Amino acid sequence: MALYCIGDLQGCDGALERLLAHIGFSASRDTALLLGDLVNRGPDSLAVLRRCQAADGALQCLLGNHDLHLLAVAAGARPPGQRDTLGAVLGAPDRDALLAWLRAQPLARRLAHGGGALLAVHAGVLPQWSADRALALAEEVHAALQAPDHAQFFHAMYGNTPARWSDGLQGADRLRAIVNALTRLRFCAPDGTMDFSSNESASAAPPGLLPWFDAPGRQTAGQLVVFGHWSMLGKFERSDLLGLDTGCVWGGCLSAVRFGATLAEREWLQVDCPQAQKPG
């Protein structure tokens, strides 16, 4: 049995099909974790959702910011964006089943492998949060997504405040801060204050900011964290970090990492992708 992590798809089902063939993926034998942003901007979000739903757990998924955007549009909490490519999902006969499946996906997962464990999120983890804390907070959002009044969650989900985490946050502010950290975070201040004004590469951090994973005292340091979301970062690897968003939808690659006997044994596997949209 092999374990894979796969970067952002954004509706590029053809690239996913080619990558799964390239790595020799077997749904009866292997597990692949998709790191969020399953949908939007690419040509076939509907096929991606149907493929993942039908995989019956062999393709495990996280929610990214584009996935939450689809759910918010479907709930009437947000108008479609000019560059959205979600119409086929919203008009599909199996729309309700697909959206219910998507809402059931978490914002963070922990996977055990080879005597260790990795933490997977779409974007980032605040420096104040341990892996256990991140998973517990992600579960709070998951519970809100599964609640009977889940549509109300999407009406309060958008916004950049509060920018700094406090354990005393409550209600919509608390859930919004969790969502922003796990699905949107790239840069923060040394004290963990989140910034969403830049999506440049890690080496081009705005003044006073740094990549979330370089924040001093980061509680997840030494724990393998796997993430996507940051196409300008590109292929990124440290002993305790893997960044897998390599810009599939922008004409880059779709990337997977296959783990060997331990999490330290890694093999990168990629397929080239046609450009579905131009950046900017």
Protein backbone atom coordinates (compact mmCIF):
# COMPACT_ATOMS: atom_id res chain seq x y z
CA MET A 1 0.00 0.00 0.00
CA ALA A 2 1.38 3.39 -1.04
CA LEU A 3 0.57 6.79 0.43
CA TYR A 4 0.53 9.86 -1.79
CA CYS A 5 -0.19 13.54 -1.28
CA ILE A 6 -1.35 15.54 -4.32
CA GLY A 7 -1.39 19.31 -4.80
CA ASP A 8 -4.11 21.71 -5.90
CA LEU A 9 -6.30 20.50 -8.79
CA GLN A 10 -8.65 23.48 -9.29
CA GLY A 11 -10.90 21.55 -11.64
CA CYS A 12 -8.16 19.96 -13.78
CA ASP A 13 -9.58 16.45 -13.91
CA GLY A 14 -7.61 15.47 -17.00
CA ALA A 15 -4.35 16.25 -15.20
CA LEU A 16 -5.48 14.19 -12.20
CA GLU A 17 -6.33 11.25 -14.44
CA ARG A 18 -2.90 11.43 -16.08
CA LEU A 19 -1.13 11.75 -12.74
CA LEU A 20 -2.94 8.75 -11.26
CA ALA A 21 -1.98 6.71 -14.33
CA HIS A 22 1.62 7.96 -14.12
CA ILE A 23 2.02 6.89 -10.49
CA GLY A 24 0.23 3.58 -11.02
CA PHE A 25 -2.40 4.43 -8.43
CA SER A 26 -4.66 1.55 -7.35
CA ALA A 27 -7.81 2.49 -5.46
CA SER A 28 -7.94 -0.97 -3.89
CA ARG A 29 -4.38 -0.74 -2.62
CA ASP A 30 -3.26 2.89 -2.29
CA THR A 31 -4.37 6.10 -0.59
CA ALA A 32 -3.96 9.60 -2.01
CA LEU A 33 -4.66 12.76 -0.05
CA LEU A 34 -5.74 15.75 -2.16
CA LEU A 35 -4.73 18.96 -0.43
CA GLY A 36 -7.78 21.09 -1.21
CA ASP A 37 -8.92 23.42 -3.97
CA LEU A 38 -10.45 20.52 -5.82
CA VAL A 39 -12.53 22.94 -7.88
CA ASN A 40 -12.65 26.25 -9.74
CA ARG A 41 -10.64 28.04 -12.42
CA GLY A 42 -9.96 24.80 -14.29
CA PRO A 43 -12.10 23.16 -16.99
CA ASP A 44 -13.86 20.27 -15.22
CA SER A 45 -14.64 20.73 -11.54
CA LEU A 46 -17.70 18.51 -11.91
CA ALA A 47 -15.60 15.54 -13.04
CA VAL A 48 -13.15 16.08 -10.18
CA LEU A 49 -15.93 15.97 -7.58
CA ARG A 50 -17.54 12.92 -9.14
CA ARG A 51 -14.18 11.11 -9.29
CA CYS A 52 -13.39 11.87 -5.66
CA GLN A 53 -16.86 10.96 -4.41
CA ALA A 54 -16.79 7.65 -6.29
CA ALA A 55 -13.32 6.73 -4.97
CA ASP A 56 -14.87 5.65 -1.66
CA GLY A 57 -12.04 6.91 0.53
CA ALA A 58 -9.09 5.96 -1.66
CA LEU A 59 -8.92 9.64 -2.63
CA GLN A 60 -9.10 11.52 0.65
CA CYS A 61 -9.67 15.26 0.46
CA LEU A 62 -9.32 18.52 2.33
CA LEU A 63 -11.33 21.69 1.88
CA GLY A 64 -9.51 24.64 0.34
CA ASN A 65 -10.66 28.22 -0.13
CA HIS A 66 -12.07 27.52 -3.61
CA ASP A 67 -14.05 24.55 -2.31
CA LEU A 68 -15.57 26.72 0.42
CA HIS A 69 -16.29 29.37 -2.21
CA LEU A 70 -18.28 26.84 -4.25
CA LEU A 71 -20.30 25.93 -1.16
CA ALA A 72 -20.91 29.60 -0.36
CA VAL A 73 -22.10 30.32 -3.92
CA ALA A 74 -24.39 27.29 -3.80
CA ALA A 75 -25.81 28.52 -0.48
CA GLY A 76 -26.54 31.96 -1.92
CA ALA A 77 -24.03 33.62 0.41
CA ARG A 78 -21.68 34.77 -2.35
CA PRO A 79 -22.12 35.65 -6.02
CA PRO A 80 -20.03 33.73 -8.56
CA GLY A 81 -16.74 35.41 -9.46
CA GLN A 82 -15.88 36.56 -12.95
CA ARG A 83 -13.21 33.86 -13.30
CA ASP A 84 -15.20 31.06 -11.66
CA THR A 85 -15.79 27.85 -13.61
CA LEU A 86 -18.40 26.35 -11.30
CA GLY A 87 -21.48 26.43 -13.51
CA ALA A 88 -21.41 22.75 -14.41
CA VAL A 89 -21.37 21.75 -10.74
CA LEU A 90 -24.16 24.15 -9.79
CA GLY A 91 -26.33 22.91 -12.65
CA ALA A 92 -25.59 19.19 -12.32
CA PRO A 93 -28.43 16.73 -11.59
CA ASP A 94 -26.34 15.28 -8.76
CA ARG A 95 -25.47 18.73 -7.42
CA ASP A 96 -26.99 18.21 -3.97
CA ALA A 97 -25.20 14.92 -3.38
CA LEU A 98 -21.88 16.34 -4.53
CA LEU A 99 -22.19 19.45 -2.36
CA ALA A 100 -23.17 17.35 0.66
CA TRP A 101 -20.12 15.15 0.07
CA LEU A 102 -17.90 18.25 -0.22
CA ARG A 103 -19.27 19.75 3.01
CA ALA A 104 -18.36 16.54 4.79
CA GLN A 105 -14.65 16.94 4.03
CA PRO A 106 -12.39 18.32 6.80
CA LEU A 107 -10.03 21.30 6.83
CA ALA A 108 -7.18 19.24 8.28
CA ARG A 109 -6.19 15.60 8.44
CA ARG A 110 -3.58 13.57 10.28
CA LEU A 111 -2.29 10.48 8.50
CA ALA A 112 -0.11 7.83 10.13
CA HIS A 113 2.59 6.19 8.03
CA GLY A 114 5.81 4.33 8.66
CA GLY A 115 5.87 4.94 12.39
CA GLY A 116 5.19 8.68 12.04
CA ALA A 117 2.32 11.01 11.26
CA LEU A 118 1.83 13.97 8.96
CA LEU A 119 -0.51 16.93 9.36
CA ALA A 120 -2.17 18.02 6.12
CA VAL A 121 -3.85 21.40 5.61
CA HIS A 122 -4.68 23.41 2.52
CA ALA A 123 -2.78 26.60 3.36
CA GLY A 124 -1.07 27.00 6.71
CA VAL A 125 -1.01 26.57 10.46
CA LEU A 126 -0.70 29.50 12.85
CA PRO A 127 2.52 29.42 14.89
CA GLN A 128 0.55 29.26 18.16
CA TRP A 129 -1.15 26.01 17.15
CA SER A 130 0.18 22.52 17.70
CA ALA A 131 -0.92 19.77 15.35
CA ASP A 132 -3.47 18.59 17.91
CA ARG A 133 -4.81 22.12 18.30
CA ALA A 134 -5.09 22.64 14.54
CA LEU A 135 -7.05 19.40 14.17
CA ALA A 136 -9.38 20.29 17.04
CA LEU A 137 -10.07 23.76 15.60
CA ALA A 138 -10.63 22.30 12.14
CA GLU A 139 -13.23 20.02 13.70
CA GLU A 140 -15.12 23.08 14.99
CA VAL A 141 -15.54 24.29 11.40
CA HIS A 142 -16.43 20.78 10.27
CA ALA A 143 -19.22 20.69 12.85
CA ALA A 144 -20.56 24.02 11.58
CA LEU A 145 -20.54 22.71 8.01
CA GLN A 146 -22.56 19.68 9.08
CA ALA A 147 -25.09 21.61 11.18
CA PRO A 148 -28.69 21.97 9.94
CA ASP A 149 -28.18 25.76 9.62
CA HIS A 150 -24.87 25.43 7.77
CA ALA A 151 -25.93 28.00 5.17
CA GLN A 152 -25.62 30.71 7.83
CA PHE A 153 -21.96 29.81 8.28
CA PHE A 154 -21.19 30.89 4.71
CA HIS A 155 -22.83 34.29 5.16
CA ALA A 156 -20.34 35.04 7.97
CA MET A 157 -17.29 33.26 6.54
CA TYR A 158 -15.76 36.05 4.45
CA GLY A 159 -13.45 38.76 5.77
CA ASN A 160 -9.88 39.30 6.95
CA THR A 161 -10.68 39.93 10.60
CA PRO A 162 -9.83 39.00 13.26
CA ALA A 163 -6.27 38.94 11.95
CA ARG A 164 -4.78 37.50 15.11
CA TRP A 165 -5.84 34.35 16.90
CA SER A 166 -7.06 34.36 20.47
CA ASP A 167 -8.43 31.39 22.34
CA GLY A 168 -11.17 33.71 23.55
CA LEU A 169 -12.64 34.25 20.09
CA GLN A 170 -16.21 33.09 19.77
CA GLY A 171 -18.93 32.59 17.18
CA ALA A 172 -18.42 33.75 13.61
CA ASP A 173 -15.12 35.52 14.42
CA ARG A 174 -13.65 32.31 15.79
CA LEU A 175 -14.73 30.17 12.82
CA ARG A 176 -13.60 32.81 10.32
CA ALA A 177 -10.13 32.99 11.86
CA ILE A 178 -9.80 29.20 11.72
CA VAL A 179 -10.92 29.10 8.08
CA ASN A 180 -8.56 31.92 7.12
CA ALA A 181 -5.55 30.25 8.74
CA LEU A 182 -6.16 26.77 7.36
CA THR A 183 -7.30 27.74 3.84
CA ARG A 184 -5.82 31.18 3.02
CA LEU A 185 -2.66 31.80 5.05
CA ARG A 186 0.69 32.50 3.38
CA PHE A 187 2.34 35.31 5.33
CA CYS A 188 2.07 36.40 8.93
CA ALA A 189 3.85 38.70 11.37
CA PRO A 190 6.25 37.16 13.91
CA ASP A 191 3.42 37.24 16.48
CA GLY A 192 1.12 35.26 14.18
CA THR A 193 -0.98 38.18 12.89
CA MET A 194 -2.26 37.02 9.50
CA ASP A 195 -1.82 38.96 6.27
CA PHE A 196 -3.75 38.31 3.06
CA SER A 197 -2.46 41.14 0.87
CA SER A 198 0.34 39.23 -0.85
CA ASN A 199 0.70 35.93 -2.67
CA GLU A 200 4.31 36.40 -3.74
CA SER A 201 7.05 33.82 -3.26
CA ALA A 202 8.43 33.19 0.20
CA SER A 203 11.55 35.18 -0.62
CA ALA A 204 9.44 38.26 -1.44
CA ALA A 205 7.72 38.65 1.92
CA PRO A 206 6.28 42.13 2.50
CA PRO A 207 8.07 44.24 5.14
CA GLY A 208 7.44 42.97 8.65
CA LEU A 209 6.04 39.65 7.45
CA LEU A 210 7.39 36.17 6.90
CA PRO A 211 6.07 32.86 5.58
CA TRP A 212 3.86 31.19 8.18
CA PHE A 213 6.25 28.27 8.44
CA ASP A 214 9.17 30.56 9.37
CA ALA A 215 7.38 32.25 12.28
CA PRO A 216 9.47 32.02 15.45
CA GLY A 217 8.31 29.46 17.97
CA ARG A 218 6.06 27.64 15.49
CA GLN A 219 4.43 24.84 17.48
CA THR A 220 4.34 22.44 14.52
CA ALA A 221 8.10 22.66 13.92
CA GLY A 222 9.48 19.14 13.70
CA GLN A 223 6.05 17.73 12.74
CA LEU A 224 5.68 17.07 9.01
CA VAL A 225 3.13 19.54 7.63
CA VAL A 226 1.96 19.05 4.05
CA PHE A 227 0.12 21.89 2.31
CA GLY A 228 -0.88 23.43 -1.02
CA HIS A 229 -2.44 26.82 -1.85
CA TRP A 230 0.77 28.72 -2.66
CA SER A 231 1.55 28.32 -6.35
CA MET A 232 4.17 31.10 -6.25
CA LEU A 233 6.05 29.03 -3.71
CA GLY A 234 6.15 26.10 -6.13
CA LYS A 235 7.74 22.78 -5.30
CA PHE A 236 8.85 23.17 -1.69
CA GLU A 237 10.50 20.69 0.63
CA ARG A 238 12.15 20.73 4.03
CA SER A 239 12.47 17.91 6.51
CA ASP A 240 9.21 18.96 8.21
CA LEU A 241 7.45 20.78 5.33
CA LEU A 242 6.09 19.86 1.92
CA GLY A 243 4.43 22.43 -0.34
CA LEU A 244 2.72 20.79 -3.33
CA ASP A 245 0.90 23.54 -5.21
CA THR A 246 2.89 23.73 -8.43
CA GLY A 247 0.39 25.76 -10.45
CA CYS A 248 -1.47 23.08 -12.39
CA VAL A 249 -4.28 25.42 -13.45
CA TRP A 250 -1.80 28.12 -14.52
CA GLY A 251 0.10 25.80 -16.88
CA GLY A 252 2.58 24.40 -14.38
CA CYS A 253 2.63 20.84 -13.07
CA LEU A 254 0.35 18.69 -10.99
CA SER A 255 2.54 17.22 -8.26
CA ALA A 256 2.38 14.19 -6.01
CA VAL A 257 4.72 12.95 -3.33
CA ARG A 258 4.92 9.22 -2.71
CA PHE A 259 6.15 8.21 0.73
CA GLY A 260 8.39 5.20 1.17
CA ALA A 261 8.81 3.07 4.25
CA THR A 262 8.89 6.25 6.36
CA LEU A 263 7.71 9.84 5.92
CA ALA A 264 11.35 10.86 5.38
CA GLU A 265 11.53 8.69 2.25
CA ARG A 266 9.85 10.73 -0.49
CA GLU A 267 9.58 10.66 -4.25
CA TRP A 268 8.20 13.56 -6.27
CA LEU A 269 6.06 12.67 -9.29
CA GLN A 270 4.68 15.28 -11.67
CA VAL A 271 2.76 15.68 -14.92
CA ASP A 272 2.76 18.80 -17.06
CA CYS A 273 -0.54 20.65 -17.38
CA PRO A 274 -2.03 22.83 -20.11
CA GLN A 275 -2.77 26.37 -18.99
CA ALA A 276 -6.43 26.70 -18.08
CA GLN A 277 -6.20 30.32 -16.93
CA LYS A 278 -3.59 33.07 -16.97
CA PRO A 279 -2.36 34.36 -13.61
CA GLY A 280 -3.27 37.88 -12.57
